[in-house]
Amino acid sequence: MNIPEQQTVDHPLDQQTLWRFNFEGRFLGFADREMGNRKYLHMDILGEQVQIKLPKELRIYVGLHLQPGDCIHVGGVGKLDPGTGRFKLKAHQINPIQVSAHCALPFTVSSSESTQNKRPKSKILVCQKSACLKRGGRELLHTLEQNLNEKNLKEYVEIERTGCLKQCSQAPNVMVMPGKEVHGKVKPEQAAGVLECLYRRRNRAENGTHCG
């Protein structure tokens, strides 16, 4: 892992040494994912796991556009923590890339989350910003989660909270992945149908079809 450039920055209390980095590797997911925390990204670089802090403006992007196993380039800065002797890394940009030498190794998912040759889970991202909350976004989220449990679909479909999907006039909104389909004016009573459609699509492996 090469850190090519060093820069000393004046600080009112002391001097901090920042290291610019450019990493290529595989996206592994988020720290504390079960708590809905997207503050830290985990990536694998030639077998070495690295944790990188994400600024707020990148958290939604990563959650919407990346899947575990994707090859990515991450640029940012690192700062040495004098107490631990470790670098604290913070991303400034993240881009998906083609498979490179840094992430050419086969990607495997732990047996606790997946079995061999298993497809990634489908996702339903439910907006929880003000416009959607005012129009039933919280109830929609709870109904989706309830139906997910009742229908035993946790193995196939994942539901996450997300920020604004830029369709406030159509609130409440959800995004379905893969496909990045945004659906507006989704009512709680439609939750079961959305889940069933995703499950059928997954079984048929139909690309480009839409859940109505």
C-alpha atoms as a PDB file:
ATOM      1  CA  MET A   1       0.000   0.000   0.000  1.00  0.00           C
ATOM      2  CA  ASN A   2       1.778   3.139  -1.190  1.00  0.00           C
ATOM      3  CA  ILE A   3       1.280   6.552   0.406  1.00  0.00           C
ATOM      4  CA  PRO A   4       2.997   8.794  -2.110  1.00  0.00           C
ATOM      5  CA  GLU A   5       2.878  12.271  -0.713  1.00  0.00           C
ATOM      6  CA  GLN A   6       3.363  14.014   2.637  1.00  0.00           C
ATOM      7  CA  GLN A   7       2.114  17.468   3.556  1.00  0.00           C
ATOM      8  CA  THR A   8       2.520  19.427   6.790  1.00  0.00           C
ATOM      9  CA  VAL A   9      -0.400  21.689   7.684  1.00  0.00           C
ATOM     10  CA  ASP A  10      -0.288  24.539  10.174  1.00  0.00           C
ATOM     11  CA  HIS A  11      -2.738  24.166  13.037  1.00  0.00           C
ATOM     12  CA  PRO A  12      -3.446  26.686  15.839  1.00  0.00           C
ATOM     13  CA  LEU A  13      -2.509  24.132  18.499  1.00  0.00           C
ATOM     14  CA  ASP A  14       0.132  22.022  16.826  1.00  0.00           C
ATOM     15  CA  GLN A  15       1.267  20.724  13.492  1.00  0.00           C
ATOM     16  CA  GLN A  16      -0.509  17.779  11.927  1.00  0.00           C
ATOM     17  CA  THR A  17       1.104  15.644   9.254  1.00  0.00           C
ATOM     18  CA  LEU A  18      -1.372  14.663   6.546  1.00  0.00           C
ATOM     19  CA  TRP A  19      -0.721  11.895   4.046  1.00  0.00           C
ATOM     20  CA  ARG A  20      -2.472  11.902   0.712  1.00  0.00           C
ATOM     21  CA  PHE A  21      -3.522   8.419  -0.376  1.00  0.00           C
ATOM     22  CA  ASN A  22      -4.964   6.768  -3.468  1.00  0.00           C
ATOM     23  CA  PHE A  23      -6.139   3.223  -2.832  1.00  0.00           C
ATOM     24  CA  GLU A  24      -7.589   0.626  -5.167  1.00  0.00           C
ATOM     25  CA  GLY A  25      -9.316  -2.432  -3.778  1.00  0.00           C
ATOM     26  CA  ARG A  26     -12.638  -4.102  -3.052  1.00  0.00           C
ATOM     27  CA  PHE A  27     -15.521  -2.499  -1.189  1.00  0.00           C
ATOM     28  CA  LEU A  28     -16.464  -4.767   1.734  1.00  0.00           C
ATOM     29  CA  GLY A  29     -19.290  -2.769   3.310  1.00  0.00           C
ATOM     30  CA  PHE A  30     -19.830  -0.454   6.249  1.00  0.00           C
ATOM     31  CA  ALA A  31     -18.844  -0.629   9.903  1.00  0.00           C
ATOM     32  CA  ASP A  32     -21.808  -1.207  12.254  1.00  0.00           C
ATOM     33  CA  ARG A  33     -24.071  -1.800   9.274  1.00  0.00           C
ATOM     34  CA  GLU A  34     -26.760  -3.382  11.448  1.00  0.00           C
ATOM     35  CA  MET A  35     -27.110  -0.009  13.209  1.00  0.00           C
ATOM     36  CA  GLY A  36     -27.604   1.859   9.930  1.00  0.00           C
ATOM     37  CA  ASN A  37     -24.190   3.480  10.345  1.00  0.00           C
ATOM     38  CA  ARG A  38     -22.456   4.497   7.116  1.00  0.00           C
ATOM     39  CA  LYS A  39     -19.753   6.595   8.701  1.00  0.00           C
ATOM     40  CA  TYR A  40     -16.909   4.184   7.967  1.00  0.00           C
ATOM     41  CA  LEU A  41     -16.190   2.225   4.799  1.00  0.00           C
ATOM     42  CA  HIS A  42     -14.307  -1.069   4.823  1.00  0.00           C
ATOM     43  CA  MET A  43     -12.199  -2.082   1.835  1.00  0.00           C
ATOM     44  CA  ASP A  44      -9.772  -4.875   1.031  1.00  0.00           C
ATOM     45  CA  ILE A  45      -6.425  -4.051  -0.587  1.00  0.00           C
ATOM     46  CA  LEU A  46      -4.546  -7.199  -1.588  1.00  0.00           C
ATOM     47  CA  GLY A  47      -5.805  -9.038   1.474  1.00  0.00           C
ATOM     48  CA  GLU A  48      -5.346  -6.161   3.924  1.00  0.00           C
ATOM     49  CA  GLN A  49      -8.534  -4.650   5.362  1.00  0.00           C
ATOM     50  CA  VAL A  50      -8.665  -0.881   5.742  1.00  0.00           C
ATOM     51  CA  GLN A  51     -11.262   1.332   7.441  1.00  0.00           C
ATOM     52  CA  ILE A  52     -11.851   4.790   5.943  1.00  0.00           C
ATOM     53  CA  LYS A  53     -14.072   7.558   7.276  1.00  0.00           C
ATOM     54  CA  LEU A  54     -16.700   8.904   4.876  1.00  0.00           C
ATOM     55  CA  PRO A  55     -17.817  12.547   4.825  1.00  0.00           C
ATOM     56  CA  LYS A  56     -21.600  13.002   4.863  1.00  0.00           C
ATOM     57  CA  GLU A  57     -21.804  13.877   1.188  1.00  0.00           C
ATOM     58  CA  LEU A  58     -20.313  10.495   0.203  1.00  0.00           C
ATOM     59  CA  ARG A  59     -22.322   8.233   2.524  1.00  0.00           C
ATOM     60  CA  ILE A  60     -25.530   8.208   0.502  1.00  0.00           C
ATOM     61  CA  TYR A  61     -23.627   7.794  -2.773  1.00  0.00           C
ATOM     62  CA  VAL A  62     -21.778   4.728  -1.504  1.00  0.00           C
ATOM     63  CA  GLY A  63     -24.946   3.222  -0.050  1.00  0.00           C
ATOM     64  CA  LEU A  64     -26.847   3.638  -3.324  1.00  0.00           C
ATOM     65  CA  HIS A  65     -24.195   2.812  -5.897  1.00  0.00           C
ATOM     66  CA  LEU A  66     -21.824   0.209  -4.453  1.00  0.00           C
ATOM     67  CA  GLN A  67     -22.259  -3.448  -3.591  1.00  0.00           C
ATOM     68  CA  PRO A  68     -19.832  -5.562  -1.534  1.00  0.00           C
ATOM     69  CA  GLY A  69     -17.202  -6.926  -3.903  1.00  0.00           C
ATOM     70  CA  ASP A  70     -17.134  -3.897  -6.214  1.00  0.00           C
ATOM     71  CA  CYS A  71     -13.692  -2.640  -7.209  1.00  0.00           C
ATOM     72  CA  ILE A  72     -13.195   0.984  -6.180  1.00  0.00           C
ATOM     73  CA  HIS A  73     -10.654   3.790  -6.140  1.00  0.00           C
ATOM     74  CA  VAL A  74     -10.598   5.885  -2.965  1.00  0.00           C
ATOM     75  CA  GLY A  75      -8.651   9.132  -2.661  1.00  0.00           C
ATOM     76  CA  GLY A  76      -8.238  11.129   0.515  1.00  0.00           C
ATOM     77  CA  VAL A  77      -5.935  12.047   3.368  1.00  0.00           C
ATOM     78  CA  GLY A  78      -4.574  10.218   6.383  1.00  0.00           C
ATOM     79  CA  LYS A  79      -3.461  11.651   9.712  1.00  0.00           C
ATOM     80  CA  LEU A  80      -1.238   9.898  12.211  1.00  0.00           C
ATOM     81  CA  ASP A  81      -2.794   9.395  15.637  1.00  0.00           C
ATOM     82  CA  PRO A  82       0.102   9.942  18.120  1.00  0.00           C
ATOM     83  CA  GLY A  83      -1.711   7.959  20.798  1.00  0.00           C
ATOM     84  CA  THR A  84      -2.154   4.744  18.813  1.00  0.00           C
ATOM     85  CA  GLY A  85       0.497   5.157  16.127  1.00  0.00           C
ATOM     86  CA  ARG A  86      -2.126   4.385  13.489  1.00  0.00           C
ATOM     87  CA  PHE A  87      -3.362   6.423  10.572  1.00  0.00           C
ATOM     88  CA  LYS A  88      -6.879   7.837  10.547  1.00  0.00           C
ATOM     89  CA  LEU A  89      -8.040   7.849   6.953  1.00  0.00           C
ATOM     90  CA  LYS A  90     -10.730  10.086   5.451  1.00  0.00           C
ATOM     91  CA  ALA A  91     -12.051   9.789   1.886  1.00  0.00           C
ATOM     92  CA  HIS A  92     -12.447  12.784  -0.401  1.00  0.00           C
ATOM     93  CA  GLN A  93     -13.552  10.887  -3.490  1.00  0.00           C
ATOM     94  CA  ILE A  94     -14.731   7.393  -4.390  1.00  0.00           C
ATOM     95  CA  ASN A  95     -15.075   5.968  -7.894  1.00  0.00           C
ATOM     96  CA  PRO A  96     -15.975   2.490  -9.146  1.00  0.00           C
ATOM     97  CA  ILE A  97     -13.279   1.000 -11.392  1.00  0.00           C
ATOM     98  CA  GLN A  98     -12.650  -2.023 -13.576  1.00  0.00           C
ATOM     99  CA  VAL A  99     -10.890  -4.975 -11.975  1.00  0.00           C
ATOM    100  CA  SER A 100      -7.247  -4.060 -11.347  1.00  0.00           C
ATOM    101  CA  ALA A 101      -4.213  -5.804  -9.891  1.00  0.00           C
ATOM    102  CA  HIS A 102      -5.187  -4.470  -6.463  1.00  0.00           C
ATOM    103  CA  CYS A 103      -8.575  -6.214  -6.465  1.00  0.00           C
ATOM    104  CA  ALA A 104      -8.077  -9.091  -8.880  1.00  0.00           C
ATOM    105  CA  LEU A 105      -8.206 -11.720  -6.142  1.00  0.00           C
ATOM    106  CA  PRO A 106     -11.463 -13.706  -5.946  1.00  0.00           C
ATOM    107  CA  PHE A 107     -14.020 -12.064  -3.674  1.00  0.00           C
ATOM    108  CA  THR A 108     -15.727 -14.228  -1.081  1.00  0.00           C
ATOM    109  CA  VAL A 109     -18.436 -13.444   1.435  1.00  0.00           C
ATOM    110  CA  SER A 110     -18.303 -14.934   4.922  1.00  0.00           C
ATOM    111  CA  SER A 111     -20.396 -18.064   5.409  1.00  0.00           C
ATOM    112  CA  SER A 112     -22.515 -16.290   8.022  1.00  0.00           C
ATOM    113  CA  GLU A 113     -23.867 -13.921   5.372  1.00  0.00           C
ATOM    114  CA  SER A 114     -23.847 -15.990   2.202  1.00  0.00           C
ATOM    115  CA  THR A 115     -23.376 -19.382   0.652  1.00  0.00           C
ATOM    116  CA  GLN A 116     -21.301 -20.186  -2.393  1.00  0.00           C
ATOM    117  CA  ASN A 117     -22.532 -18.580  -5.650  1.00  0.00           C
ATOM    118  CA  LYS A 118     -25.300 -16.725  -3.856  1.00  0.00           C
ATOM    119  CA  ARG A 119     -26.501 -13.481  -5.410  1.00  0.00           C
ATOM    120  CA  PRO A 120     -26.278 -10.226  -3.485  1.00  0.00           C
ATOM    121  CA  LYS A 121     -29.489  -9.261  -1.729  1.00  0.00           C
ATOM    122  CA  SER A 122     -31.974  -6.965  -3.388  1.00  0.00           C
ATOM    123  CA  LYS A 123     -32.408  -3.650  -1.565  1.00  0.00           C
ATOM    124  CA  ILE A 124     -35.255  -1.300  -0.796  1.00  0.00           C
ATOM    125  CA  LEU A 125     -34.025   2.128   0.323  1.00  0.00           C
ATOM    126  CA  VAL A 126     -36.759   4.106   2.084  1.00  0.00           C
ATOM    127  CA  CYS A 127     -36.400   7.888   2.254  1.00  0.00           C
ATOM    128  CA  GLN A 128     -36.618   9.207   5.807  1.00  0.00           C
ATOM    129  CA  LYS A 129     -36.285  12.941   5.167  1.00  0.00           C
ATOM    130  CA  SER A 130     -38.915  15.518   6.122  1.00  0.00           C
ATOM    131  CA  ALA A 131     -41.165  15.487   3.019  1.00  0.00           C
ATOM    132  CA  CYS A 132     -41.414  11.706   3.003  1.00  0.00           C
ATOM    133  CA  LEU A 133     -41.888  11.472   6.766  1.00  0.00           C
ATOM    134  CA  LYS A 134     -44.781  13.932   6.603  1.00  0.00           C
ATOM    135  CA  ARG A 135     -46.493  11.763   3.984  1.00  0.00           C
ATOM    136  CA  GLY A 136     -46.131   8.397   5.651  1.00  0.00           C
ATOM    137  CA  GLY A 137     -42.483   7.474   5.134  1.00  0.00           C
ATOM    138  CA  ARG A 138     -42.034   6.201   8.686  1.00  0.00           C
ATOM    139  CA  GLU A 139     -45.139   4.009   8.492  1.00  0.00           C
ATOM    140  CA  LEU A 140     -44.021   2.708   5.093  1.00  0.00           C
ATOM    141  CA  LEU A 141     -40.629   1.722   6.498  1.00  0.00           C
ATOM    142  CA  HIS A 142     -42.175  -0.079   9.461  1.00  0.00           C
ATOM    143  CA  THR A 143     -44.681  -1.912   7.241  1.00  0.00           C
ATOM    144  CA  LEU A 144     -41.952  -3.048   4.857  1.00  0.00           C
ATOM    145  CA  GLU A 145     -39.853  -4.339   7.756  1.00  0.00           C
ATOM    146  CA  GLN A 146     -42.873  -6.123   9.238  1.00  0.00           C
ATOM    147  CA  ASN A 147     -43.730  -7.796   5.923  1.00  0.00           C
ATOM    148  CA  LEU A 148     -40.107  -8.761   5.402  1.00  0.00           C
ATOM    149  CA  ASN A 149     -40.152 -10.656   8.695  1.00  0.00           C
ATOM    150  CA  GLU A 150     -43.578 -12.203   8.167  1.00  0.00           C
ATOM    151  CA  LYS A 151     -42.682 -13.490   4.701  1.00  0.00           C
ATOM    152  CA  ASN A 152     -39.218 -14.747   5.766  1.00  0.00           C
ATOM    153  CA  LEU A 153     -37.497 -12.804   2.991  1.00  0.00           C
ATOM    154  CA  LYS A 154     -34.527 -11.454   4.980  1.00  0.00           C
ATOM    155  CA  GLU A 155     -32.241 -13.829   3.117  1.00  0.00           C
ATOM    156  CA  TYR A 156     -33.170 -12.208  -0.197  1.00  0.00           C
ATOM    157  CA  VAL A 157     -34.204  -8.603   0.446  1.00  0.00           C
ATOM    158  CA  GLU A 158     -32.692  -5.887   2.619  1.00  0.00           C
ATOM    159  CA  ILE A 159     -34.454  -2.705   3.761  1.00  0.00           C
ATOM    160  CA  GLU A 160     -32.466   0.425   4.638  1.00  0.00           C
ATOM    161  CA  ARG A 161     -33.184   4.013   5.619  1.00  0.00           C
ATOM    162  CA  THR A 162     -31.783   6.604   3.240  1.00  0.00           C
ATOM    163  CA  GLY A 163     -31.640  10.349   2.694  1.00  0.00           C
ATOM    164  CA  CYS A 164     -33.454  12.443   0.110  1.00  0.00           C
ATOM    165  CA  LEU A 165     -34.032  10.787  -3.277  1.00  0.00           C
ATOM    166  CA  LYS A 166     -34.766  14.162  -4.952  1.00  0.00           C
ATOM    167  CA  GLN A 167     -38.403  13.339  -5.698  1.00  0.00           C
ATOM    168  CA  CYS A 168     -40.049  15.227  -2.836  1.00  0.00           C
ATOM    169  CA  SER A 169     -43.232  16.017  -4.774  1.00  0.00           C
ATOM    170  CA  GLN A 170     -43.827  12.257  -5.114  1.00  0.00           C
ATOM    171  CA  ALA A 171     -43.262  11.440  -1.425  1.00  0.00           C
ATOM    172  CA  PRO A 172     -42.998   8.955   0.127  1.00  0.00           C
ATOM    173  CA  ASN A 173     -40.253   7.539  -2.082  1.00  0.00           C
ATOM    174  CA  VAL A 174     -38.307   4.290  -2.205  1.00  0.00           C
ATOM    175  CA  MET A 175     -35.412   3.161  -4.382  1.00  0.00           C
ATOM    176  CA  VAL A 176     -35.242  -0.471  -5.506  1.00  0.00           C
ATOM    177  CA  MET A 177     -31.866  -2.053  -6.209  1.00  0.00           C
ATOM    178  CA  PRO A 178     -30.348  -3.401  -8.330  1.00  0.00           C
ATOM    179  CA  GLY A 179     -31.595  -1.047 -11.010  1.00  0.00           C
ATOM    180  CA  LYS A 180     -31.801   2.185  -8.981  1.00  0.00           C
ATOM    181  CA  GLU A 181     -35.530   2.467  -9.658  1.00  0.00           C
ATOM    182  CA  VAL A 182     -37.202   5.259  -7.704  1.00  0.00           C
ATOM    183  CA  HIS A 183     -40.891   4.720  -6.915  1.00  0.00           C
ATOM    184  CA  GLY A 184     -43.021   7.547  -5.565  1.00  0.00           C
ATOM    185  CA  LYS A 185     -46.282   7.771  -3.622  1.00  0.00           C
ATOM    186  CA  VAL A 186     -45.783   4.272  -2.234  1.00  0.00           C
ATOM    187  CA  LYS A 187     -48.422   3.489   0.382  1.00  0.00           C
ATOM    188  CA  PRO A 188     -47.872   1.178   3.363  1.00  0.00           C
ATOM    189  CA  GLU A 189     -50.544  -1.193   2.037  1.00  0.00           C
ATOM    190  CA  GLN A 190     -48.405  -1.682  -1.079  1.00  0.00           C
ATOM    191  CA  ALA A 191     -45.433  -2.949   0.936  1.00  0.00           C
ATOM    192  CA  ALA A 192     -46.283  -6.641   0.557  1.00  0.00           C
ATOM    193  CA  GLY A 193     -46.598  -6.280  -3.223  1.00  0.00           C
ATOM    194  CA  VAL A 194     -43.241  -4.527  -3.520  1.00  0.00           C
ATOM    195  CA  LEU A 195     -41.507  -7.329  -1.626  1.00  0.00           C
ATOM    196  CA  GLU A 196     -43.235 -10.070  -3.598  1.00  0.00           C
ATOM    197  CA  CYS A 197     -42.300  -8.396  -6.883  1.00  0.00           C
ATOM    198  CA  LEU A 198     -38.645  -8.190  -5.865  1.00  0.00           C
ATOM    199  CA  TYR A 199     -38.666 -11.850  -4.834  1.00  0.00           C
ATOM    200  CA  ARG A 200     -40.247 -12.955  -8.135  1.00  0.00           C
ATOM    201  CA  ARG A 201     -37.819 -10.837 -10.138  1.00  0.00           C
ATOM    202  CA  ARG A 202     -34.899 -12.357  -8.295  1.00  0.00           C
ATOM    203  CA  ASN A 203     -36.064 -15.883  -8.995  1.00  0.00           C
ATOM    204  CA  ARG A 204     -36.658 -15.172 -12.683  1.00  0.00           C
ATOM    205  CA  ALA A 205     -33.381 -13.181 -12.987  1.00  0.00           C
ATOM    206  CA  GLU A 206     -35.113 -10.694 -15.258  1.00  0.00           C
ATOM    207  CA  ASN A 207     -32.968  -7.622 -15.817  1.00  0.00           C
ATOM    208  CA  GLY A 208     -34.611  -4.298 -16.534  1.00  0.00           C
ATOM    209  CA  THR A 209     -38.104  -5.223 -15.421  1.00  0.00           C
ATOM    210  CA  HIS A 210     -39.980  -2.882 -13.126  1.00  0.00           C
ATOM    211  CA  CYS A 211     -42.154  -3.508 -10.114  1.00  0.00           C
ATOM    212  CA  GLY A 212     -45.444  -1.683 -10.516  1.00  0.00           C
END
